[in-house]
Full PDB file with SEQRES, HELIX, SHEET, SSBOND, CRYST1, ORIGX, SCALE, CONECT and MASTER records, all heavy atoms in Angstrom:
SEQRES   1 A   39  ALA ASP PHE ILE SER LYS ALA ILE LEU PHE TYR LYS GLU          
SEQRES   2 A   39  MET SER PRO LYS GLY PHE ASN LEU LEU ASP LYS MET LEU          
SEQRES   3 A   39  PRO GLY ASN ALA PRO SER ILE GLU LEU GLU LYS MET ILE          
HELIX    1 AA1 ASP A    2  MET A   14  1                                  13    
HELIX    2 AA2 PRO A   31  MET A   38  1                                   8    
CRYST1    1.000    1.000    1.000  90.00  90.00  90.00 P 1           1          
ORIGX1      1.000000  0.000000  0.000000        0.00000                         
ORIGX2      0.000000  1.000000  0.000000        0.00000                         
ORIGX3      0.000000  0.000000  1.000000        0.00000                         
SCALE1      1.000000  0.000000  0.000000        0.00000                         
SCALE2      0.000000  1.000000  0.000000        0.00000                         
SCALE3      0.000000  0.000000  1.000000        0.00000                         
ATOM      1  N   ALA A   1     -92.916  58.344  25.631  1.00  0.00           N  
ATOM      2  CA  ALA A   1     -92.298  59.569  25.087  1.00  0.00           C  
ATOM      3  C   ALA A   1     -93.374  60.479  24.505  1.00  0.00           C  
ATOM      4  O   ALA A   1     -93.352  61.705  24.696  1.00  0.00           O  
ATOM      5  CB  ALA A   1     -91.273  59.205  24.016  1.00  0.00           C  
ATOM      6  N   ASP A   2     -94.340  59.867  23.803  1.00  0.00           N  
ATOM      7  CA  ASP A   2     -95.428  60.654  23.222  1.00  0.00           C  
ATOM      8  C   ASP A   2     -96.290  61.269  24.334  1.00  0.00           C  
ATOM      9  O   ASP A   2     -96.686  62.432  24.267  1.00  0.00           O  
ATOM     10  CB  ASP A   2     -96.303  59.763  22.320  1.00  0.00           C  
ATOM     11  CG  ASP A   2     -97.424  60.550  21.662  1.00  0.00           C  
ATOM     12  OD1 ASP A   2     -97.115  61.536  20.954  1.00  0.00           O  
ATOM     13  OD2 ASP A   2     -98.615  60.221  21.879  1.00  0.00           O  
ATOM     14  N   PHE A   3     -96.541  60.481  25.373  1.00  0.00           N  
ATOM     15  CA  PHE A   3     -97.318  60.983  26.517  1.00  0.00           C  
ATOM     16  C   PHE A   3     -96.621  62.206  27.130  1.00  0.00           C  
ATOM     17  O   PHE A   3     -97.244  63.240  27.379  1.00  0.00           O  
ATOM     18  CB  PHE A   3     -97.490  59.894  27.590  1.00  0.00           C  
ATOM     19  CG  PHE A   3     -97.754  60.439  28.966  1.00  0.00           C  
ATOM     20  CD1 PHE A   3     -98.973  61.058  29.264  1.00  0.00           C  
ATOM     21  CD2 PHE A   3     -96.779  60.386  29.960  1.00  0.00           C  
ATOM     22  CE1 PHE A   3     -99.204  61.610  30.522  1.00  0.00           C  
ATOM     23  CE2 PHE A   3     -97.004  60.936  31.218  1.00  0.00           C  
ATOM     24  CZ  PHE A   3     -98.222  61.546  31.501  1.00  0.00           C  
ATOM     25  N   ILE A   4     -95.300  62.083  27.358  1.00  0.00           N  
ATOM     26  CA  ILE A   4     -94.557  63.183  27.998  1.00  0.00           C  
ATOM     27  C   ILE A   4     -94.606  64.443  27.134  1.00  0.00           C  
ATOM     28  O   ILE A   4     -94.873  65.544  27.631  1.00  0.00           O  
ATOM     29  CB  ILE A   4     -93.092  62.762  28.308  1.00  0.00           C  
ATOM     30  CG1 ILE A   4     -93.096  61.734  29.462  1.00  0.00           C  
ATOM     31  CG2 ILE A   4     -92.221  63.959  28.663  1.00  0.00           C  
ATOM     32  CD1 ILE A   4     -91.763  61.027  29.712  1.00  0.00           C  
ATOM     33  N   SER A   5     -94.404  64.286  25.823  1.00  0.00           N  
ATOM     34  CA  SER A   5     -94.412  65.491  24.972  1.00  0.00           C  
ATOM     35  C   SER A   5     -95.804  66.123  24.927  1.00  0.00           C  
ATOM     36  O   SER A   5     -95.946  67.339  24.957  1.00  0.00           O  
ATOM     37  CB  SER A   5     -93.879  65.193  23.565  1.00  0.00           C  
ATOM     38  OG  SER A   5     -94.789  64.400  22.864  1.00  0.00           O  
ATOM     39  N   LYS A   6     -96.857  65.292  24.908  1.00  0.00           N  
ATOM     40  CA  LYS A   6     -98.227  65.846  24.910  1.00  0.00           C  
ATOM     41  C   LYS A   6     -98.546  66.528  26.248  1.00  0.00           C  
ATOM     42  O   LYS A   6     -99.196  67.570  26.283  1.00  0.00           O  
ATOM     43  CB  LYS A   6     -99.255  64.747  24.617  1.00  0.00           C  
ATOM     44  CG  LYS A   6     -99.288  64.363  23.132  1.00  0.00           C  
ATOM     45  CD  LYS A   6    -100.552  63.581  22.784  1.00  0.00           C  
ATOM     46  CE  LYS A   6    -100.787  63.462  21.290  1.00  0.00           C  
ATOM     47  NZ  LYS A   6     -99.730  62.783  20.558  1.00  0.00           N  
ATOM     48  N   ALA A   7     -98.082  65.928  27.342  1.00  0.00           N  
ATOM     49  CA  ALA A   7     -98.328  66.523  28.669  1.00  0.00           C  
ATOM     50  C   ALA A   7     -97.635  67.886  28.777  1.00  0.00           C  
ATOM     51  O   ALA A   7     -98.198  68.842  29.328  1.00  0.00           O  
ATOM     52  CB  ALA A   7     -97.847  65.585  29.774  1.00  0.00           C  
ATOM     53  N   ILE A   8     -96.430  67.996  28.210  1.00  0.00           N  
ATOM     54  CA  ILE A   8     -95.697  69.279  28.252  1.00  0.00           C  
ATOM     55  C   ILE A   8     -96.447  70.336  27.439  1.00  0.00           C  
ATOM     56  O   ILE A   8     -96.665  71.462  27.898  1.00  0.00           O  
ATOM     57  CB  ILE A   8     -94.252  69.104  27.718  1.00  0.00           C  
ATOM     58  CG1 ILE A   8     -93.425  68.282  28.723  1.00  0.00           C  
ATOM     59  CG2 ILE A   8     -93.589  70.463  27.462  1.00  0.00           C  
ATOM     60  CD1 ILE A   8     -92.080  67.814  28.193  1.00  0.00           C  
ATOM     61  N   LEU A   9     -96.876  69.961  26.227  1.00  0.00           N  
ATOM     62  CA  LEU A   9     -97.620  70.914  25.388  1.00  0.00           C  
ATOM     63  C   LEU A   9     -98.915  71.337  26.073  1.00  0.00           C  
ATOM     64  O   LEU A   9     -99.313  72.503  26.031  1.00  0.00           O  
ATOM     65  CB  LEU A   9     -97.923  70.278  24.016  1.00  0.00           C  
ATOM     66  CG  LEU A   9     -96.701  70.059  23.117  1.00  0.00           C  
ATOM     67  CD1 LEU A   9     -97.055  69.198  21.909  1.00  0.00           C  
ATOM     68  CD2 LEU A   9     -96.113  71.398  22.664  1.00  0.00           C  
ATOM     69  N   PHE A  10     -99.555  70.370  26.727  1.00  0.00           N  
ATOM     70  CA  PHE A  10    -100.803  70.652  27.450  1.00  0.00           C  
ATOM     71  C   PHE A  10    -100.558  71.683  28.562  1.00  0.00           C  
ATOM     72  O   PHE A  10    -101.273  72.676  28.685  1.00  0.00           O  
ATOM     73  CB  PHE A  10    -101.359  69.347  28.036  1.00  0.00           C  
ATOM     74  CG  PHE A  10    -102.286  69.532  29.205  1.00  0.00           C  
ATOM     75  CD1 PHE A  10    -103.566  70.054  29.017  1.00  0.00           C  
ATOM     76  CD2 PHE A  10    -101.886  69.178  30.487  1.00  0.00           C  
ATOM     77  CE1 PHE A  10    -104.421  70.230  30.102  1.00  0.00           C  
ATOM     78  CE2 PHE A  10    -102.735  69.346  31.576  1.00  0.00           C  
ATOM     79  CZ  PHE A  10    -104.009  69.877  31.384  1.00  0.00           C  
ATOM     80  N   TYR A  11     -99.511  71.456  29.372  1.00  0.00           N  
ATOM     81  CA  TYR A  11     -99.244  72.385  30.480  1.00  0.00           C  
ATOM     82  C   TYR A  11     -98.813  73.762  29.978  1.00  0.00           C  
ATOM     83  O   TYR A  11     -99.120  74.779  30.587  1.00  0.00           O  
ATOM     84  CB  TYR A  11     -98.213  71.803  31.453  1.00  0.00           C  
ATOM     85  CG  TYR A  11     -98.869  70.944  32.513  1.00  0.00           C  
ATOM     86  CD1 TYR A  11     -98.482  69.625  32.723  1.00  0.00           C  
ATOM     87  CD2 TYR A  11     -99.891  71.457  33.303  1.00  0.00           C  
ATOM     88  CE1 TYR A  11     -99.097  68.841  33.703  1.00  0.00           C  
ATOM     89  CE2 TYR A  11    -100.522  70.682  34.277  1.00  0.00           C  
ATOM     90  CZ  TYR A  11    -100.119  69.379  34.467  1.00  0.00           C  
ATOM     91  OH  TYR A  11    -100.741  68.619  35.430  1.00  0.00           O  
ATOM     92  N   LYS A  12     -98.107  73.781  28.839  1.00  0.00           N  
ATOM     93  CA  LYS A  12     -97.716  75.087  28.280  1.00  0.00           C  
ATOM     94  C   LYS A  12     -98.965  75.854  27.835  1.00  0.00           C  
ATOM     95  O   LYS A  12     -99.033  77.072  27.969  1.00  0.00           O  
ATOM     96  CB  LYS A  12     -96.752  74.897  27.110  1.00  0.00           C  
ATOM     97  CG  LYS A  12     -95.337  74.609  27.609  1.00  0.00           C  
ATOM     98  CD  LYS A  12     -94.324  74.521  26.492  1.00  0.00           C  
ATOM     99  CE  LYS A  12     -92.922  74.431  27.077  1.00  0.00           C  
ATOM    100  NZ  LYS A  12     -91.960  73.869  26.127  1.00  0.00           N  
ATOM    101  N   GLU A  13     -99.933  75.129  27.307  1.00  0.00           N  
ATOM    102  CA  GLU A  13    -101.180  75.789  26.892  1.00  0.00           C  
ATOM    103  C   GLU A  13    -102.012  76.193  28.110  1.00  0.00           C  
ATOM    104  O   GLU A  13    -102.647  77.239  28.137  1.00  0.00           O  
ATOM    105  CB  GLU A  13    -102.005  74.846  25.994  1.00  0.00           C  
ATOM    106  CG  GLU A  13    -103.215  75.549  25.423  1.00  0.00           C  
ATOM    107  CD  GLU A  13    -104.012  74.668  24.468  1.00  0.00           C  
ATOM    108  OE1 GLU A  13    -103.412  73.963  23.637  1.00  0.00           O  
ATOM    109  OE2 GLU A  13    -105.245  74.681  24.574  1.00  0.00           O  
ATOM    110  N   MET A  14    -101.964  75.352  29.131  1.00  0.00           N  
ATOM    111  CA  MET A  14    -102.763  75.608  30.334  1.00  0.00           C  
ATOM    112  C   MET A  14    -102.227  76.814  31.095  1.00  0.00           C  
ATOM    113  O   MET A  14    -102.972  77.566  31.697  1.00  0.00           O  
ATOM    114  CB  MET A  14    -102.683  74.369  31.234  1.00  0.00           C  
ATOM    115  CG  MET A  14    -103.611  74.405  32.409  1.00  0.00           C  
ATOM    116  SD  MET A  14    -103.440  72.803  33.242  1.00  0.00           S  
ATOM    117  CE  MET A  14    -104.597  73.005  34.574  1.00  0.00           C  
ATOM    118  N   SER A  15    -100.917  76.990  31.072  1.00  0.00           N  
ATOM    119  CA  SER A  15    -100.306  78.067  31.852  1.00  0.00           C  
ATOM    120  C   SER A  15     -99.215  78.736  31.042  1.00  0.00           C  
ATOM    121  O   SER A  15     -98.024  78.581  31.320  1.00  0.00           O  
ATOM    122  CB  SER A  15     -99.725  77.457  33.136  1.00  0.00           C  
ATOM    123  OG  SER A  15     -99.199  78.451  33.946  1.00  0.00           O  
ATOM    124  N   PRO A  16     -99.589  79.483  29.989  1.00  0.00           N  
ATOM    125  CA  PRO A  16     -98.570  80.003  29.077  1.00  0.00           C  
ATOM    126  C   PRO A  16     -97.552  80.906  29.773  1.00  0.00           C  
ATOM    127  O   PRO A  16     -96.410  80.993  29.376  1.00  0.00           O  
ATOM    128  CB  PRO A  16     -99.376  80.784  28.037  1.00  0.00           C  
ATOM    129  CG  PRO A  16    -100.751  80.915  28.589  1.00  0.00           C  
ATOM    130  CD  PRO A  16    -100.947  79.850  29.607  1.00  0.00           C  
ATOM    131  N   LYS A  17     -97.988  81.599  30.830  1.00  0.00           N  
ATOM    132  CA  LYS A  17     -97.061  82.526  31.494  1.00  0.00           C  
ATOM    133  C   LYS A  17     -96.341  81.851  32.657  1.00  0.00           C  
ATOM    134  O   LYS A  17     -95.447  82.413  33.251  1.00  0.00           O  
ATOM    135  CB  LYS A  17     -97.825  83.751  32.003  1.00  0.00           C  
ATOM    136  CG  LYS A  17     -98.368  84.628  30.873  1.00  0.00           C  
ATOM    137  CD  LYS A  17     -98.888  85.951  31.389  1.00  0.00           C  
ATOM    138  CE  LYS A  17    -100.234  85.800  32.083  1.00  0.00           C  
ATOM    139  NZ  LYS A  17    -101.340  85.512  31.167  1.00  0.00           N  
ATOM    140  N   GLY A  18     -96.769  80.635  32.996  1.00  0.00           N  
ATOM    141  CA  GLY A  18     -96.236  79.989  34.201  1.00  0.00           C  
ATOM    142  C   GLY A  18     -94.923  79.277  33.958  1.00  0.00           C  
ATOM    143  O   GLY A  18     -94.324  79.374  32.899  1.00  0.00           O  
ATOM    144  N   PHE A  19     -94.507  78.563  34.973  1.00  0.00           N  
ATOM    145  CA  PHE A  19     -93.342  77.686  34.882  1.00  0.00           C  
ATOM    146  C   PHE A  19     -92.026  78.407  34.589  1.00  0.00           C  
ATOM    147  O   PHE A  19     -91.129  77.844  34.030  1.00  0.00           O  
ATOM    148  CB  PHE A  19     -93.564  76.573  33.828  1.00  0.00           C  
ATOM    149  CG  PHE A  19     -94.853  75.848  34.013  1.00  0.00           C  
ATOM    150  CD1 PHE A  19     -95.822  75.836  33.026  1.00  0.00           C  
ATOM    151  CD2 PHE A  19     -95.121  75.181  35.200  1.00  0.00           C  
ATOM    152  CE1 PHE A  19     -97.032  75.168  33.226  1.00  0.00           C  
ATOM    153  CE2 PHE A  19     -96.317  74.517  35.402  1.00  0.00           C  
ATOM    154  CZ  PHE A  19     -97.273  74.507  34.412  1.00  0.00           C  
ATOM    155  N   ASN A  20     -91.919  79.711  34.917  1.00  0.00           N  
ATOM    156  CA  ASN A  20     -90.614  80.347  34.669  1.00  0.00           C  
ATOM    157  C   ASN A  20     -89.747  80.327  35.914  1.00  0.00           C  
ATOM    158  O   ASN A  20     -88.548  80.331  35.816  1.00  0.00           O  
ATOM    159  CB  ASN A  20     -90.700  81.813  34.197  1.00  0.00           C  
ATOM    160  CG  ASN A  20     -92.106  82.237  34.024  1.00  0.00           C  
ATOM    161  OD1 ASN A  20     -92.939  81.399  34.193  1.00  0.00           O  
ATOM    162  ND2 ASN A  20     -92.406  83.448  33.683  1.00  0.00           N  
ATOM    163  N   LEU A  21     -90.385  80.329  37.076  1.00  0.00           N  
ATOM    164  CA  LEU A  21     -89.623  80.437  38.319  1.00  0.00           C  
ATOM    165  C   LEU A  21     -88.574  79.332  38.419  1.00  0.00           C  
ATOM    166  O   LEU A  21     -87.401  79.585  38.615  1.00  0.00           O  
ATOM    167  CB  LEU A  21     -90.579  80.364  39.514  1.00  0.00           C  
ATOM    168  CG  LEU A  21     -89.894  80.318  40.873  1.00  0.00           C  
ATOM    169  CD1 LEU A  21     -89.315  81.685  41.196  1.00  0.00           C  
ATOM    170  CD2 LEU A  21     -90.857  79.915  41.961  1.00  0.00           C  
ATOM    171  N   LEU A  22     -89.013  78.092  38.243  1.00  0.00           N  
ATOM    172  CA  LEU A  22     -88.079  76.984  38.418  1.00  0.00           C  
ATOM    173  C   LEU A  22     -87.144  76.826  37.219  1.00  0.00           C  
ATOM    174  O   LEU A  22     -86.072  76.276  37.348  1.00  0.00           O  
ATOM    175  CB  LEU A  22     -88.849  75.684  38.677  1.00  0.00           C  
ATOM    176  CG  LEU A  22     -89.602  75.670  40.012  1.00  0.00           C  
ATOM    177  CD1 LEU A  22     -90.462  74.432  40.134  1.00  0.00           C  
ATOM    178  CD2 LEU A  22     -88.663  75.726  41.196  1.00  0.00           C  
ATOM    179  N   ASP A  23     -87.584  77.316  36.062  1.00  0.00           N  
ATOM    180  CA  ASP A  23     -86.729  77.225  34.870  1.00  0.00           C  
ATOM    181  C   ASP A  23     -85.367  77.849  35.120  1.00  0.00           C  
ATOM    182  O   ASP A  23     -84.350  77.371  34.665  1.00  0.00           O  
ATOM    183  CB  ASP A  23     -87.374  77.984  33.691  1.00  0.00           C  
ATOM    184  CG  ASP A  23     -88.355  77.090  32.975  1.00  0.00           C  
ATOM    185  OD1 ASP A  23     -88.388  75.904  33.310  1.00  0.00           O  
ATOM    186  OD2 ASP A  23     -89.088  77.568  32.092  1.00  0.00           O  
ATOM    187  N   LYS A  24     -85.395  78.965  35.853  1.00  0.00           N  
ATOM    188  CA  LYS A  24     -84.149  79.690  36.070  1.00  0.00           C  
ATOM    189  C   LYS A  24     -83.223  78.911  36.995  1.00  0.00           C  
ATOM    190  O   LYS A  24     -82.040  79.144  37.034  1.00  0.00           O  
ATOM    191  CB  LYS A  24     -84.453  81.047  36.703  1.00  0.00           C  
ATOM    192  CG  LYS A  24     -85.213  81.971  35.771  1.00  0.00           C  
ATOM    193  CD  LYS A  24     -85.559  83.262  36.495  1.00  0.00           C  
ATOM    194  CE  LYS A  24     -86.532  84.098  35.663  1.00  0.00           C  
ATOM    195  NZ  LYS A  24     -87.581  84.682  36.434  1.00  0.00           N  
ATOM    196  N   MET A  25     -83.811  78.021  37.779  1.00  0.00           N  
ATOM    197  CA  MET A  25     -83.014  77.391  38.828  1.00  0.00           C  
ATOM    198  C   MET A  25     -82.535  75.995  38.494  1.00  0.00           C  
ATOM    199  O   MET A  25     -81.530  75.555  38.990  1.00  0.00           O  
ATOM    200  CB  MET A  25     -83.850  77.311  40.109  1.00  0.00           C  
ATOM    201  CG  MET A  25     -84.307  78.668  40.576  1.00  0.00           C  
ATOM    202  SD  MET A  25     -85.065  78.581  42.166  1.00  0.00           S  
ATOM    203  CE  MET A  25     -86.558  77.711  41.867  1.00  0.00           C  
ATOM    204  N   LEU A  26     -83.312  75.284  37.704  1.00  0.00           N  
ATOM    205  CA  LEU A  26     -82.977  73.877  37.507  1.00  0.00           C  
ATOM    206  C   LEU A  26     -82.419  73.636  36.116  1.00  0.00           C  
ATOM    207  O   LEU A  26     -83.047  73.959  35.120  1.00  0.00           O  
ATOM    208  CB  LEU A  26     -84.232  73.007  37.694  1.00  0.00           C  
ATOM    209  CG  LEU A  26     -84.950  73.174  39.032  1.00  0.00           C  
ATOM    210  CD1 LEU A  26     -86.124  72.223  39.115  1.00  0.00           C  
ATOM    211  CD2 LEU A  26     -84.025  72.900  40.204  1.00  0.00           C  
ATOM    212  N   PRO A  27     -81.256  73.034  36.033  1.00  0.00           N  
ATOM    213  CA  PRO A  27     -80.698  72.745  34.710  1.00  0.00           C  
ATOM    214  C   PRO A  27     -81.367  71.524  34.088  1.00  0.00           C  
ATOM    215  O   PRO A  27     -82.163  70.863  34.728  1.00  0.00           O  
ATOM    216  CB  PRO A  27     -79.234  72.434  35.030  1.00  0.00           C  
ATOM    217  CG  PRO A  27     -79.271  71.914  36.434  1.00  0.00           C  
ATOM    218  CD  PRO A  27     -80.405  72.596  37.131  1.00  0.00           C  
ATOM    219  N   GLY A  28     -81.052  71.242  32.850  1.00  0.00           N  
ATOM    220  CA  GLY A  28     -81.545  70.005  32.223  1.00  0.00           C  
ATOM    221  C   GLY A  28     -82.719  70.261  31.306  1.00  0.00           C  
ATOM    222  O   GLY A  28     -83.701  70.859  31.716  1.00  0.00           O  
ATOM    223  N   ASN A  29     -82.617  69.796  30.059  1.00  0.00           N  
ATOM    224  CA  ASN A  29     -83.682  70.072  29.101  1.00  0.00           C  
ATOM    225  C   ASN A  29     -84.385  68.833  28.582  1.00  0.00           C  
ATOM    226  O   ASN A  29     -85.162  68.907  27.660  1.00  0.00           O  
ATOM    227  CB  ASN A  29     -83.115  70.859  27.905  1.00  0.00           C  
ATOM    228  CG  ASN A  29     -82.600  72.212  28.359  1.00  0.00           C  
ATOM    229  OD1 ASN A  29     -83.256  72.864  29.176  1.00  0.00           O  
ATOM    230  ND2 ASN A  29     -81.437  72.603  27.879  1.00  0.00           N  
ATOM    231  N   ALA A  30     -84.085  67.665  29.153  1.00  0.00           N  
ATOM    232  CA  ALA A  30     -84.773  66.456  28.685  1.00  0.00           C  
ATOM    233  C   ALA A  30     -86.272  66.652  28.910  1.00  0.00           C  
ATOM    234  O   ALA A  30     -86.669  67.244  29.916  1.00  0.00           O  
ATOM    235  CB  ALA A  30     -84.278  65.244  29.467  1.00  0.00           C  
ATOM    236  N   PRO A  31     -87.124  66.169  27.974  1.00  0.00           N  
ATOM    237  CA  PRO A  31     -88.568  66.376  28.137  1.00  0.00           C  
ATOM    238  C   PRO A  31     -89.096  65.916  29.498  1.00  0.00           C  
ATOM    239  O   PRO A  31     -89.905  66.604  30.125  1.00  0.00           O  
ATOM    240  CB  PRO A  31     -89.178  65.551  27.000  1.00  0.00           C  
ATOM    241  CG  PRO A  31     -88.106  65.483  25.969  1.00  0.00           C  
ATOM    242  CD  PRO A  31     -86.803  65.486  26.715  1.00  0.00           C  
ATOM    243  N   SER A  32     -88.615  64.766  29.984  1.00  0.00           N  
ATOM    244  CA  SER A  32     -89.154  64.281  31.261  1.00  0.00           C  
ATOM    245  C   SER A  32     -88.781  65.219  32.415  1.00  0.00           C  
ATOM    246  O   SER A  32     -89.549  65.409  33.347  1.00  0.00           O  
ATOM    247  CB  SER A  32     -88.671  62.855  31.561  1.00  0.00           C  
ATOM    248  OG  SER A  32     -87.263  62.828  31.661  1.00  0.00           O  
ATOM    249  N   ILE A  33     -87.598  65.862  32.317  1.00  0.00           N  
ATOM    250  CA  ILE A  33     -87.176  66.820  33.352  1.00  0.00           C  
ATOM    251  C   ILE A  33     -88.073  68.060  33.287  1.00  0.00           C  
ATOM    252  O   ILE A  33     -88.479  68.623  34.304  1.00  0.00           O  
ATOM    253  CB  ILE A  33     -85.686  67.235  33.171  1.00  0.00           C  
ATOM    254  CG1 ILE A  33     -84.768  66.015  33.238  1.00  0.00           C  
ATOM    255  CG2 ILE A  33     -85.285  68.310  34.180  1.00  0.00           C  
ATOM    256  CD1 ILE A  33     -84.466  65.448  34.606  1.00  0.00           C  
ATOM    257  N   GLU A  34     -88.406  68.472  32.061  1.00  0.00           N  
ATOM    258  CA  GLU A  34     -89.297  69.629  31.884  1.00  0.00           C  
ATOM    259  C   GLU A  34     -90.666  69.344  32.509  1.00  0.00           C  
ATOM    260  O   GLU A  34     -91.239  70.180  33.208  1.00  0.00           O  
ATOM    261  CB  GLU A  34     -89.444  69.923  30.380  1.00  0.00           C  
ATOM    262  CG  GLU A  34     -89.939  71.333  30.122  1.00  0.00           C  
ATOM    263  CD  GLU A  34     -89.983  71.690  28.637  1.00  0.00           C  
ATOM    264  OE1 GLU A  34     -89.324  71.006  27.816  1.00  0.00           O  
ATOM    265  OE2 GLU A  34     -90.685  72.641  28.307  1.00  0.00           O  
ATOM    266  N   LEU A  35     -91.158  68.129  32.280  1.00  0.00           N  
ATOM    267  CA  LEU A  35     -92.457  67.749  32.855  1.00  0.00           C  
ATOM    268  C   LEU A  35     -92.370  67.697  34.390  1.00  0.00           C  
ATOM    269  O   LEU A  35     -93.319  68.080  35.083  1.00  0.00           O  
ATOM    270  CB  LEU A  35     -92.926  66.403  32.285  1.00  0.00           C  
ATOM    271  CG  LEU A  35     -94.332  65.939  32.719  1.00  0.00           C  
ATOM    272  CD1 LEU A  35     -95.403  66.980  32.371  1.00  0.00           C  
ATOM    273  CD2 LEU A  35     -94.693  64.596  32.085  1.00  0.00           C  
ATOM    274  N   GLU A  36     -91.229  67.257  34.908  1.00  0.00           N  
ATOM    275  CA  GLU A  36     -91.045  67.238  36.371  1.00  0.00           C  
ATOM    276  C   GLU A  36     -91.225  68.631  36.959  1.00  0.00           C  
ATOM    277  O   GLU A  36     -91.868  68.812  37.990  1.00  0.00           O  
ATOM    278  CB  GLU A  36     -89.643  66.713  36.735  1.00  0.00           C  
ATOM    279  CG  GLU A  36     -89.513  65.210  36.602  1.00  0.00           C  
ATOM    280  CD  GLU A  36     -88.065  64.719  36.733  1.00  0.00           C  
ATOM    281  OE1 GLU A  36     -87.207  65.492  37.210  1.00  0.00           O  
ATOM    282  OE2 GLU A  36     -87.810  63.559  36.362  1.00  0.00           O  
ATOM    283  N   LYS A  37     -90.649  69.628  36.285  1.00  0.00           N  
ATOM    284  CA  LYS A  37     -90.748  71.007  36.778  1.00  0.00           C  
ATOM    285  C   LYS A  37     -92.206  71.462  36.781  1.00  0.00           C  
ATOM    286  O   LYS A  37     -92.674  72.098  37.712  1.00  0.00           O  
ATOM    287  CB  LYS A  37     -89.935  71.949  35.884  1.00  0.00           C  
ATOM    288  CG  LYS A  37     -88.440  71.826  36.072  1.00  0.00           C  
ATOM    289  CD  LYS A  37     -87.723  72.896  35.281  1.00  0.00           C  
ATOM    290  CE  LYS A  37     -86.967  72.347  34.113  1.00  0.00           C  
ATOM    291  NZ  LYS A  37     -86.309  73.334  33.296  1.00  0.00           N  
ATOM    292  N   MET A  38     -92.917  71.112  35.703  1.00  0.00           N  
ATOM    293  CA  MET A  38     -94.312  71.537  35.585  1.00  0.00           C  
ATOM    294  C   MET A  38     -95.174  70.887  36.659  1.00  0.00           C  
ATOM    295  O   MET A  38     -96.021  71.534  37.277  1.00  0.00           O  
ATOM    296  CB  MET A  38     -94.832  71.180  34.186  1.00  0.00           C  
ATOM    297  CG  MET A  38     -94.167  72.010  33.109  1.00  0.00           C  
ATOM    298  SD  MET A  38     -94.579  71.428  31.460  1.00  0.00           S  
ATOM    299  CE  MET A  38     -94.103  72.860  30.485  1.00  0.00           C  
ATOM    300  N   ILE A  39     -94.938  69.604  36.879  1.00  0.00           N  
ATOM    301  CA  ILE A  39     -95.711  68.889  37.906  1.00  0.00           C  
ATOM    302  C   ILE A  39     -95.392  69.449  39.287  1.00  0.00           C  
ATOM    303  O   ILE A  39     -96.288  69.656  40.107  1.00  0.00           O  
ATOM    304  CB  ILE A  39     -95.461  67.365  37.809  1.00  0.00           C  
ATOM    305  CG1 ILE A  39     -96.219  66.810  36.589  1.00  0.00           C  
ATOM    306  CG2 ILE A  39     -95.885  66.641  39.086  1.00  0.00           C  
ATOM    307  CD1 ILE A  39     -96.023  65.334  36.314  1.00  0.00           C  
TER     308      ILE A  39                                                      
MASTER        0    0    0    2    0    0    0    6  307    1    0    3          
END                                                                             
């Protein structure tokens, strides 16, 4: 769980403007689902 939350924060810092395209399309807010979108 700690790994997933750190990976999400890392990707948000790496690409602050990114990751919006799929956000609009895929439901679900669990951290692991969020990381799936980023990957």
